[in-house]
Amino acid sequence: MSEKIQHTRALLFALAVCVVVICAIVLFPGLRVQAQNIEENIVFALHPSASLAFQYGERHFNGQEPSEYDLARAEYFFEQAAARNPNTPYLFHELARIAFLEGDLTRALVLINIQIALHGDSEPNSYYVRGLIEGYMSDYADSAVDYKYFLQFDPEDWAAMNDYAWVLLKANEAQQALSVTQHGVALFPKNPWLLNSYTIALYETGDLLGASKNAVLALAATREVTQAEWLHAYPGNDPQIAAEGVAALQKAAEDNMHMVGLAVATSTVQ
C-alpha cells in the first residue's frame, strides 16, 4: 500500500472520529471535555509539534477555566513539548510550577533552574517562581534575593511584593517587610493579601495600634474576596479548592486580628 493511500486513510479515519466527537458534544453536553481530549489526541498525533503541545498544556493549566483544568494532562503535553523543542518559551517554567503544585519541591527547583539557565532575564517571571519554591523549602535568604530581583522587572506586582514580605518575615527581617508591604498597600489599599502581611509586619515591628487598625481593614477585605478572584491570584491551582483557599485567607485575617487584639489588651493591662 502506497504512503499516499495510507495518509489518505488516516485523514479519513480522523475525520470520521471528529464527526463522532461533534455528535457526542451535541447529543451529550456532559461529554464535551472527553470529546475535546479525544480531538486533541488526534490532532496532536497527526501534527505533533512543540508549539501545539505547549498550547494544549496551557489550556489544561488554567484554573480560571474549571472545565479545562487537568494537571496531569497539562504536564503530559508540556513534557511532549520538551521532547520536541526544549527551548520553547516558558516551558520549564510551567513544568516547575506543576512540580511545585504536586509537592515535589526538589524537582521544581531543578526545572526552574533549567528555565532560568535557558532564558534568564528574557522571562523574568521565572525568578518569582524560584523565589516561591525556595520559600517553601525554607531557603528564605535566596528566596528574598529572587523576589527582589523579579520586582526590578515588575515593581508593581502586588503578589510578588506580598510573597517577598512573607519570606522577609520568615527571615526575621520585619523592618524590611514593613517597608515592602507599606509600599504595596499604598498602591493597592484594598488588597486583602497585602493588608494581611502589612498587619503582621506592623505587629512584628511593635506598632500594635497600627496593626490593630489594619487588621480590621484586612479582615473586611478578605470577606469581599470571591472564588474567581482567588483563582485569578492563583491561576495554576485546582479550581476545586478555590472555596478552601478563600476560607483560609479569611481565617488568616481573623487569626491576625485576634493575635493583635490580645497583644493590645496585654500591653494596656501592663
C-alpha atoms as a PDB file:
ATOM      1  CA  MET A   1       0.000   0.000   0.000  1.00  0.00           C
ATOM      2  CA  SER A   2       1.448   3.340  -1.049  1.00  0.00           C
ATOM      3  CA  GLU A   3       2.319   6.016   1.515  1.00  0.00           C
ATOM      4  CA  LYS A   4      -0.203   8.376  -0.128  1.00  0.00           C
ATOM      5  CA  ILE A   5      -3.077   5.885   0.314  1.00  0.00           C
ATOM      6  CA  GLN A   6      -2.093   5.278   3.944  1.00  0.00           C
ATOM      7  CA  HIS A   7      -2.066   9.005   4.634  1.00  0.00           C
ATOM      8  CA  THR A   8      -5.464   9.424   2.960  1.00  0.00           C
ATOM      9  CA  ARG A   9      -6.960   6.641   5.045  1.00  0.00           C
ATOM     10  CA  ALA A  10      -5.510   8.183   8.216  1.00  0.00           C
ATOM     11  CA  LEU A  11      -7.114  11.509   7.361  1.00  0.00           C
ATOM     12  CA  LEU A  12     -10.470   9.838   6.611  1.00  0.00           C
ATOM     13  CA  PHE A  13     -10.310   7.990   9.902  1.00  0.00           C
ATOM     14  CA  ALA A  14      -9.500  11.202  11.761  1.00  0.00           C
ATOM     15  CA  LEU A  15     -12.410  12.934  10.007  1.00  0.00           C
ATOM     16  CA  ALA A  16     -14.769  10.117  10.994  1.00  0.00           C
ATOM     17  CA  VAL A  17     -13.650  10.336  14.599  1.00  0.00           C
ATOM     18  CA  CYS A  18     -14.126  14.113  14.564  1.00  0.00           C
ATOM     19  CA  VAL A  19     -17.696  13.630  13.271  1.00  0.00           C
ATOM     20  CA  VAL A  20     -18.368  11.215  16.135  1.00  0.00           C
ATOM     21  CA  VAL A  21     -16.880  13.698  18.583  1.00  0.00           C
ATOM     22  CA  ILE A  22     -19.074  16.529  17.290  1.00  0.00           C
ATOM     23  CA  CYS A  23     -22.169  14.343  17.507  1.00  0.00           C
ATOM     24  CA  ALA A  24     -21.274  13.362  21.065  1.00  0.00           C
ATOM     25  CA  ILE A  25     -20.904  17.022  22.049  1.00  0.00           C
ATOM     26  CA  VAL A  26     -24.293  17.884  20.530  1.00  0.00           C
ATOM     27  CA  LEU A  27     -26.161  14.899  21.970  1.00  0.00           C
ATOM     28  CA  PHE A  28     -24.367  14.683  25.326  1.00  0.00           C
ATOM     29  CA  PRO A  29     -23.085  18.096  26.513  1.00  0.00           C
ATOM     30  CA  GLY A  30     -21.560  16.472  29.612  1.00  0.00           C
ATOM     31  CA  LEU A  31     -19.104  14.640  27.364  1.00  0.00           C
ATOM     32  CA  ARG A  32     -17.656  17.862  25.983  1.00  0.00           C
ATOM     33  CA  VAL A  33     -14.393  17.609  27.931  1.00  0.00           C
ATOM     34  CA  GLN A  34     -13.837  13.964  26.991  1.00  0.00           C
ATOM     35  CA  ALA A  35     -14.642  14.769  23.373  1.00  0.00           C
ATOM     36  CA  GLN A  36     -12.213  17.668  23.369  1.00  0.00           C
ATOM     37  CA  ASN A  37      -9.471  15.464  24.801  1.00  0.00           C
ATOM     38  CA  ILE A  38     -10.045  12.911  22.064  1.00  0.00           C
ATOM     39  CA  GLU A  39      -9.863  15.647  19.463  1.00  0.00           C
ATOM     40  CA  GLU A  40      -6.594  16.956  20.966  1.00  0.00           C
ATOM     41  CA  ASN A  41      -5.087  13.485  20.906  1.00  0.00           C
ATOM     42  CA  ILE A  42      -5.998  13.016  17.250  1.00  0.00           C
ATOM     43  CA  VAL A  43      -4.784  16.430  16.129  1.00  0.00           C
ATOM     44  CA  PHE A  44      -1.540  16.065  18.064  1.00  0.00           C
ATOM     45  CA  ALA A  45      -0.953  12.570  16.638  1.00  0.00           C
ATOM     46  CA  LEU A  46      -1.363  13.954  13.115  1.00  0.00           C
ATOM     47  CA  HIS A  47       0.598  17.179  13.716  1.00  0.00           C
ATOM     48  CA  PRO A  48       2.987  16.627  16.637  1.00  0.00           C
ATOM     49  CA  SER A  49       4.870  19.818  17.427  1.00  0.00           C
ATOM     50  CA  ALA A  50       6.248  21.585  20.475  1.00  0.00           C
ATOM     51  CA  SER A  51       4.092  24.639  19.866  1.00  0.00           C
ATOM     52  CA  LEU A  52       0.861  22.618  19.685  1.00  0.00           C
ATOM     53  CA  ALA A  53       1.820  20.574  22.752  1.00  0.00           C
ATOM     54  CA  PHE A  54       2.552  23.775  24.703  1.00  0.00           C
ATOM     55  CA  GLN A  55      -0.785  25.254  23.582  1.00  0.00           C
ATOM     56  CA  TYR A  56      -2.656  22.212  24.870  1.00  0.00           C
ATOM     57  CA  GLY A  57      -0.619  22.238  28.079  1.00  0.00           C
ATOM     58  CA  GLU A  58      -1.585  25.856  28.736  1.00  0.00           C
ATOM     59  CA  ARG A  59      -5.242  25.064  28.029  1.00  0.00           C
ATOM     60  CA  HIS A  60      -5.277  22.462  30.799  1.00  0.00           C
ATOM     61  CA  PHE A  61      -3.214  24.515  33.272  1.00  0.00           C
ATOM     62  CA  ASN A  62      -5.672  27.365  33.684  1.00  0.00           C
ATOM     63  CA  GLY A  63      -7.563  27.313  36.953  1.00  0.00           C
ATOM     64  CA  GLN A  64      -9.855  30.070  35.745  1.00  0.00           C
ATOM     65  CA  GLU A  65     -11.366  27.586  33.294  1.00  0.00           C
ATOM     66  CA  PRO A  66     -12.539  24.783  35.599  1.00  0.00           C
ATOM     67  CA  SER A  67     -13.877  22.579  32.825  1.00  0.00           C
ATOM     68  CA  GLU A  68     -10.481  22.638  31.066  1.00  0.00           C
ATOM     69  CA  TYR A  69      -8.251  22.223  34.122  1.00  0.00           C
ATOM     70  CA  ASP A  70      -6.360  18.918  34.204  1.00  0.00           C
ATOM     71  CA  LEU A  71      -2.937  18.983  35.838  1.00  0.00           C
ATOM     72  CA  ALA A  72      -1.866  15.534  34.645  1.00  0.00           C
ATOM     73  CA  ARG A  73      -2.860  16.315  31.068  1.00  0.00           C
ATOM     74  CA  ALA A  74      -1.093  19.670  31.188  1.00  0.00           C
ATOM     75  CA  GLU A  75       2.091  18.005  32.421  1.00  0.00           C
ATOM     76  CA  TYR A  76       1.866  15.366  29.683  1.00  0.00           C
ATOM     77  CA  PHE A  77       1.683  17.960  26.921  1.00  0.00           C
ATOM     78  CA  PHE A  78       4.433  20.133  28.416  1.00  0.00           C
ATOM     79  CA  GLU A  79       6.673  17.060  28.501  1.00  0.00           C
ATOM     80  CA  GLN A  80       5.777  16.354  24.877  1.00  0.00           C
ATOM     81  CA  ALA A  81       6.817  19.911  24.050  1.00  0.00           C
ATOM     82  CA  ALA A  82      10.097  19.450  25.940  1.00  0.00           C
ATOM     83  CA  ALA A  83      10.859  16.300  23.952  1.00  0.00           C
ATOM     84  CA  ARG A  84      10.452  18.228  20.691  1.00  0.00           C
ATOM     85  CA  ASN A  85      11.817  21.665  21.489  1.00  0.00           C
ATOM     86  CA  PRO A  86      13.248  22.281  24.985  1.00  0.00           C
ATOM     87  CA  ASN A  87      13.810  25.940  24.082  1.00  0.00           C
ATOM     88  CA  THR A  88      10.066  26.621  23.919  1.00  0.00           C
ATOM     89  CA  PRO A  89       9.469  29.851  25.900  1.00  0.00           C
ATOM     90  CA  TYR A  90       8.274  29.351  29.487  1.00  0.00           C
ATOM     91  CA  LEU A  91       8.190  25.562  29.032  1.00  0.00           C
ATOM     92  CA  PHE A  92      10.324  24.593  32.035  1.00  0.00           C
ATOM     93  CA  HIS A  93       8.703  27.437  33.958  1.00  0.00           C
ATOM     94  CA  GLU A  94       5.352  25.688  33.609  1.00  0.00           C
ATOM     95  CA  LEU A  95       6.797  22.267  34.394  1.00  0.00           C
ATOM     96  CA  ALA A  96       8.356  23.740  37.535  1.00  0.00           C
ATOM     97  CA  ARG A  97       5.009  25.207  38.605  1.00  0.00           C
ATOM     98  CA  ILE A  98       3.344  21.822  38.175  1.00  0.00           C
ATOM     99  CA  ALA A  99       6.074  20.063  40.191  1.00  0.00           C
ATOM    100  CA  PHE A 100       5.574  22.688  42.901  1.00  0.00           C
ATOM    101  CA  LEU A 101       1.819  22.073  42.989  1.00  0.00           C
ATOM    102  CA  GLU A 102       2.489  18.340  43.175  1.00  0.00           C
ATOM    103  CA  GLY A 103       4.686  18.953  46.220  1.00  0.00           C
ATOM    104  CA  ASP A 104       7.946  17.864  44.575  1.00  0.00           C
ATOM    105  CA  LEU A 105       9.989  20.919  45.570  1.00  0.00           C
ATOM    106  CA  THR A 106      13.374  19.441  44.639  1.00  0.00           C
ATOM    107  CA  ARG A 107      12.237  18.661  41.102  1.00  0.00           C
ATOM    108  CA  ALA A 108      10.535  22.050  40.864  1.00  0.00           C
ATOM    109  CA  LEU A 109      13.794  23.794  41.774  1.00  0.00           C
ATOM    110  CA  VAL A 110      15.755  21.789  39.195  1.00  0.00           C
ATOM    111  CA  LEU A 111      13.216  22.629  36.479  1.00  0.00           C
ATOM    112  CA  ILE A 112      13.062  26.347  37.258  1.00  0.00           C
ATOM    113  CA  ASN A 113      16.870  26.494  37.280  1.00  0.00           C
ATOM    114  CA  ILE A 114      16.846  24.956  33.789  1.00  0.00           C
ATOM    115  CA  GLN A 115      14.310  27.592  32.731  1.00  0.00           C
ATOM    116  CA  ILE A 116      16.471  30.437  34.051  1.00  0.00           C
ATOM    117  CA  ALA A 117      19.631  28.952  32.533  1.00  0.00           C
ATOM    118  CA  LEU A 118      17.925  28.811  29.124  1.00  0.00           C
ATOM    119  CA  HIS A 119      16.085  32.136  29.144  1.00  0.00           C
ATOM    120  CA  GLY A 120      17.300  34.251  32.066  1.00  0.00           C
ATOM    121  CA  ASP A 121      16.048  37.843  32.169  1.00  0.00           C
ATOM    122  CA  SER A 122      14.047  37.433  28.956  1.00  0.00           C
ATOM    123  CA  GLU A 123      11.413  35.577  31.009  1.00  0.00           C
ATOM    124  CA  PRO A 124      11.698  37.233  34.441  1.00  0.00           C
ATOM    125  CA  ASN A 125       8.587  35.614  35.953  1.00  0.00           C
ATOM    126  CA  SER A 126      10.761  32.559  36.498  1.00  0.00           C
ATOM    127  CA  TYR A 127      12.647  34.379  39.262  1.00  0.00           C
ATOM    128  CA  TYR A 128       9.291  34.812  41.000  1.00  0.00           C
ATOM    129  CA  VAL A 129       8.588  31.086  40.743  1.00  0.00           C
ATOM    130  CA  ARG A 130      12.063  30.210  42.004  1.00  0.00           C
ATOM    131  CA  GLY A 131      11.549  32.558  44.944  1.00  0.00           C
ATOM    132  CA  LEU A 132       8.295  30.783  45.764  1.00  0.00           C
ATOM    133  CA  ILE A 133       9.907  27.344  45.586  1.00  0.00           C
ATOM    134  CA  GLU A 134      12.852  28.439  47.726  1.00  0.00           C
ATOM    135  CA  GLY A 135      10.476  29.983  50.253  1.00  0.00           C
ATOM    136  CA  TYR A 136       8.608  26.699  50.668  1.00  0.00           C
ATOM    137  CA  MET A 137      11.975  24.958  51.055  1.00  0.00           C
ATOM    138  CA  SER A 138      12.704  27.368  53.943  1.00  0.00           C
ATOM    139  CA  ASP A 139      15.577  28.901  51.980  1.00  0.00           C
ATOM    140  CA  TYR A 140      14.394  32.396  52.864  1.00  0.00           C
ATOM    141  CA  ALA A 141      17.610  34.244  52.055  1.00  0.00           C
ATOM    142  CA  ASP A 142      17.805  33.014  48.443  1.00  0.00           C
ATOM    143  CA  SER A 143      14.051  33.414  48.080  1.00  0.00           C
ATOM    144  CA  ALA A 144      14.255  37.070  49.113  1.00  0.00           C
ATOM    145  CA  VAL A 145      17.036  37.661  46.592  1.00  0.00           C
ATOM    146  CA  ASP A 146      14.918  36.223  43.772  1.00  0.00           C
ATOM    147  CA  TYR A 147      11.793  38.197  44.715  1.00  0.00           C
ATOM    148  CA  LYS A 148      13.785  41.406  44.960  1.00  0.00           C
ATOM    149  CA  TYR A 149      15.353  40.730  41.578  1.00  0.00           C
ATOM    150  CA  PHE A 150      11.986  39.981  39.957  1.00  0.00           C
ATOM    151  CA  LEU A 151      10.478  43.207  41.312  1.00  0.00           C
ATOM    152  CA  GLN A 152      13.026  45.171  39.295  1.00  0.00           C
ATOM    153  CA  PHE A 153      11.180  43.982  36.196  1.00  0.00           C
ATOM    154  CA  ASP A 154       7.660  44.482  37.573  1.00  0.00           C
ATOM    155  CA  PRO A 155       7.829  46.804  40.609  1.00  0.00           C
ATOM    156  CA  GLU A 156       4.043  46.976  40.978  1.00  0.00           C
ATOM    157  CA  ASP A 157       3.332  43.242  41.064  1.00  0.00           C
ATOM    158  CA  TRP A 158       1.333  43.007  44.290  1.00  0.00           C
ATOM    159  CA  ALA A 159       1.688  39.232  44.593  1.00  0.00           C
ATOM    160  CA  ALA A 160       5.471  39.433  44.355  1.00  0.00           C
ATOM    161  CA  MET A 161       5.540  42.187  46.964  1.00  0.00           C
ATOM    162  CA  ASN A 162       3.369  40.109  49.256  1.00  0.00           C
ATOM    163  CA  ASP A 163       5.479  36.961  48.865  1.00  0.00           C
ATOM    164  CA  TYR A 164       8.674  38.990  49.245  1.00  0.00           C
ATOM    165  CA  ALA A 165       7.332  40.307  52.549  1.00  0.00           C
ATOM    166  CA  TRP A 166       6.398  36.753  53.579  1.00  0.00           C
ATOM    167  CA  VAL A 167       9.964  35.448  53.222  1.00  0.00           C
ATOM    168  CA  LEU A 168      11.397  38.578  54.861  1.00  0.00           C
ATOM    169  CA  LEU A 169       9.175  37.960  57.871  1.00  0.00           C
ATOM    170  CA  LYS A 170      10.278  34.315  57.922  1.00  0.00           C
ATOM    171  CA  ALA A 171      13.893  35.517  57.826  1.00  0.00           C
ATOM    172  CA  ASN A 172      13.239  37.853  60.802  1.00  0.00           C
ATOM    173  CA  GLU A 173      13.595  40.931  58.618  1.00  0.00           C
ATOM    174  CA  ALA A 174      10.390  42.554  59.841  1.00  0.00           C
ATOM    175  CA  GLN A 175      11.510  46.109  59.180  1.00  0.00           C
ATOM    176  CA  GLN A 176      12.182  45.342  55.535  1.00  0.00           C
ATOM    177  CA  ALA A 177       8.859  43.514  55.306  1.00  0.00           C
ATOM    178  CA  LEU A 178       7.141  46.580  56.738  1.00  0.00           C
ATOM    179  CA  SER A 179       8.706  48.782  54.068  1.00  0.00           C
ATOM    180  CA  VAL A 180       7.639  46.410  51.279  1.00  0.00           C
ATOM    181  CA  THR A 181       4.051  45.987  52.490  1.00  0.00           C
ATOM    182  CA  GLN A 182       3.651  49.675  53.274  1.00  0.00           C
ATOM    183  CA  HIS A 183       4.557  50.445  49.684  1.00  0.00           C
ATOM    184  CA  GLY A 184       2.246  47.696  48.444  1.00  0.00           C
ATOM    185  CA  VAL A 185      -0.738  48.894  50.449  1.00  0.00           C
ATOM    186  CA  ALA A 186      -0.160  52.443  49.223  1.00  0.00           C
ATOM    187  CA  LEU A 187      -0.541  51.120  45.668  1.00  0.00           C
ATOM    188  CA  PHE A 188      -3.319  48.600  46.431  1.00  0.00           C
ATOM    189  CA  PRO A 189      -5.153  49.853  49.550  1.00  0.00           C
ATOM    190  CA  LYS A 190      -7.881  47.186  49.430  1.00  0.00           C
ATOM    191  CA  ASN A 191      -5.755  44.173  48.572  1.00  0.00           C
ATOM    192  CA  PRO A 192      -6.508  41.540  51.251  1.00  0.00           C
ATOM    193  CA  TRP A 193      -3.228  39.650  50.861  1.00  0.00           C
ATOM    194  CA  LEU A 194      -1.101  42.770  51.280  1.00  0.00           C
ATOM    195  CA  LEU A 195      -3.256  44.026  54.142  1.00  0.00           C
ATOM    196  CA  ASN A 196      -2.751  40.746  55.986  1.00  0.00           C
ATOM    197  CA  SER A 197       1.014  40.878  55.516  1.00  0.00           C
ATOM    198  CA  TYR A 198       1.110  44.552  56.453  1.00  0.00           C
ATOM    199  CA  THR A 199      -0.730  43.736  59.682  1.00  0.00           C
ATOM    200  CA  ILE A 200       1.885  41.127  60.609  1.00  0.00           C
ATOM    201  CA  ALA A 201       4.768  43.451  59.713  1.00  0.00           C
ATOM    202  CA  LEU A 202       3.304  46.212  61.899  1.00  0.00           C
ATOM    203  CA  TYR A 203       2.848  43.733  64.737  1.00  0.00           C
ATOM    204  CA  GLU A 204       6.379  42.374  64.417  1.00  0.00           C
ATOM    205  CA  THR A 205       7.880  45.871  64.473  1.00  0.00           C
ATOM    206  CA  GLY A 206       5.952  46.801  67.612  1.00  0.00           C
ATOM    207  CA  ASP A 207       3.282  49.099  66.144  1.00  0.00           C
ATOM    208  CA  LEU A 208       0.352  47.430  67.869  1.00  0.00           C
ATOM    209  CA  LEU A 209      -2.128  50.250  67.333  1.00  0.00           C
ATOM    210  CA  GLY A 210      -1.271  50.402  63.644  1.00  0.00           C
ATOM    211  CA  ALA A 211      -1.539  46.633  63.405  1.00  0.00           C
ATOM    212  CA  SER A 212      -4.914  46.676  65.170  1.00  0.00           C
ATOM    213  CA  LYS A 213      -6.336  49.284  62.826  1.00  0.00           C
ATOM    214  CA  ASN A 214      -5.005  47.485  59.763  1.00  0.00           C
ATOM    215  CA  ALA A 215      -6.196  44.061  60.950  1.00  0.00           C
ATOM    216  CA  VAL A 216      -9.785  45.312  60.804  1.00  0.00           C
ATOM    217  CA  LEU A 217      -9.263  46.535  57.240  1.00  0.00           C
ATOM    218  CA  ALA A 218      -7.625  43.233  56.261  1.00  0.00           C
ATOM    219  CA  LEU A 219     -10.487  41.152  57.632  1.00  0.00           C
ATOM    220  CA  ALA A 220     -13.077  43.287  55.850  1.00  0.00           C
ATOM    221  CA  ALA A 221     -11.144  42.987  52.590  1.00  0.00           C
ATOM    222  CA  THR A 222     -10.845  39.203  52.818  1.00  0.00           C
ATOM    223  CA  ARG A 223     -14.593  38.890  53.278  1.00  0.00           C
ATOM    224  CA  GLU A 224     -15.059  40.524  49.881  1.00  0.00           C
ATOM    225  CA  VAL A 225     -12.850  38.023  48.030  1.00  0.00           C
ATOM    226  CA  THR A 226     -14.691  35.760  45.587  1.00  0.00           C
ATOM    227  CA  GLN A 227     -13.589  32.356  44.362  1.00  0.00           C
ATOM    228  CA  ALA A 228     -12.996  33.864  40.913  1.00  0.00           C
ATOM    229  CA  GLU A 229     -10.660  36.471  42.409  1.00  0.00           C
ATOM    230  CA  TRP A 230      -8.816  33.793  44.359  1.00  0.00           C
ATOM    231  CA  LEU A 231      -8.319  31.752  41.185  1.00  0.00           C
ATOM    232  CA  HIS A 232      -7.073  34.863  39.396  1.00  0.00           C
ATOM    233  CA  ALA A 233      -4.463  35.255  42.144  1.00  0.00           C
ATOM    234  CA  TYR A 234      -3.526  31.547  41.886  1.00  0.00           C
ATOM    235  CA  PRO A 235      -4.137  30.711  38.190  1.00  0.00           C
ATOM    236  CA  GLY A 236      -2.438  27.316  38.252  1.00  0.00           C
ATOM    237  CA  ASN A 237      -4.295  25.963  41.254  1.00  0.00           C
ATOM    238  CA  ASP A 238      -7.101  23.431  41.065  1.00  0.00           C
ATOM    239  CA  PRO A 239     -10.407  25.345  40.844  1.00  0.00           C
ATOM    240  CA  GLN A 240     -11.986  22.753  43.130  1.00  0.00           C
ATOM    241  CA  ILE A 241     -10.002  24.123  46.084  1.00  0.00           C
ATOM    242  CA  ALA A 242     -10.952  27.767  45.484  1.00  0.00           C
ATOM    243  CA  ALA A 243     -13.524  27.778  48.297  1.00  0.00           C
ATOM    244  CA  GLU A 244     -10.921  26.352  50.687  1.00  0.00           C
ATOM    245  CA  GLY A 245      -8.429  28.972  49.552  1.00  0.00           C
ATOM    246  CA  VAL A 246     -10.831  31.833  50.225  1.00  0.00           C
ATOM    247  CA  ALA A 247     -11.703  30.356  53.629  1.00  0.00           C
ATOM    248  CA  ALA A 248      -8.006  30.021  54.519  1.00  0.00           C
ATOM    249  CA  LEU A 249      -7.370  33.641  53.570  1.00  0.00           C
ATOM    250  CA  GLN A 250     -10.253  34.800  55.741  1.00  0.00           C
ATOM    251  CA  LYS A 251      -9.138  32.641  58.661  1.00  0.00           C
ATOM    252  CA  ALA A 252      -5.621  34.087  58.425  1.00  0.00           C
ATOM    253  CA  ALA A 253      -7.092  37.587  58.716  1.00  0.00           C
ATOM    254  CA  GLU A 254      -9.223  36.525  61.697  1.00  0.00           C
ATOM    255  CA  ASP A 255      -6.216  34.932  63.408  1.00  0.00           C
ATOM    256  CA  ASN A 256      -4.156  38.071  62.825  1.00  0.00           C
ATOM    257  CA  MET A 257      -6.859  40.256  64.331  1.00  0.00           C
ATOM    258  CA  HIS A 258      -7.132  38.032  67.423  1.00  0.00           C
ATOM    259  CA  MET A 259      -3.350  37.943  67.797  1.00  0.00           C
ATOM    260  CA  VAL A 260      -3.064  41.710  67.585  1.00  0.00           C
ATOM    261  CA  GLY A 261      -6.080  42.255  69.797  1.00  0.00           C
ATOM    262  CA  LEU A 262      -4.582  40.042  72.516  1.00  0.00           C
ATOM    263  CA  ALA A 263      -1.267  41.899  72.292  1.00  0.00           C
ATOM    264  CA  VAL A 264      -3.010  45.277  72.587  1.00  0.00           C
ATOM    265  CA  ALA A 265      -5.050  44.111  75.581  1.00  0.00           C
ATOM    266  CA  THR A 266      -1.935  42.734  77.298  1.00  0.00           C
ATOM    267  CA  SER A 267       0.054  45.913  76.721  1.00  0.00           C
ATOM    268  CA  THR A 268      -2.838  48.022  78.070  1.00  0.00           C
ATOM    269  CA  VAL A 269      -3.028  45.979  81.277  1.00  0.00           C
ATOM    270  CA  GLN A 270       0.692  46.289  81.824  1.00  0.00           C
END
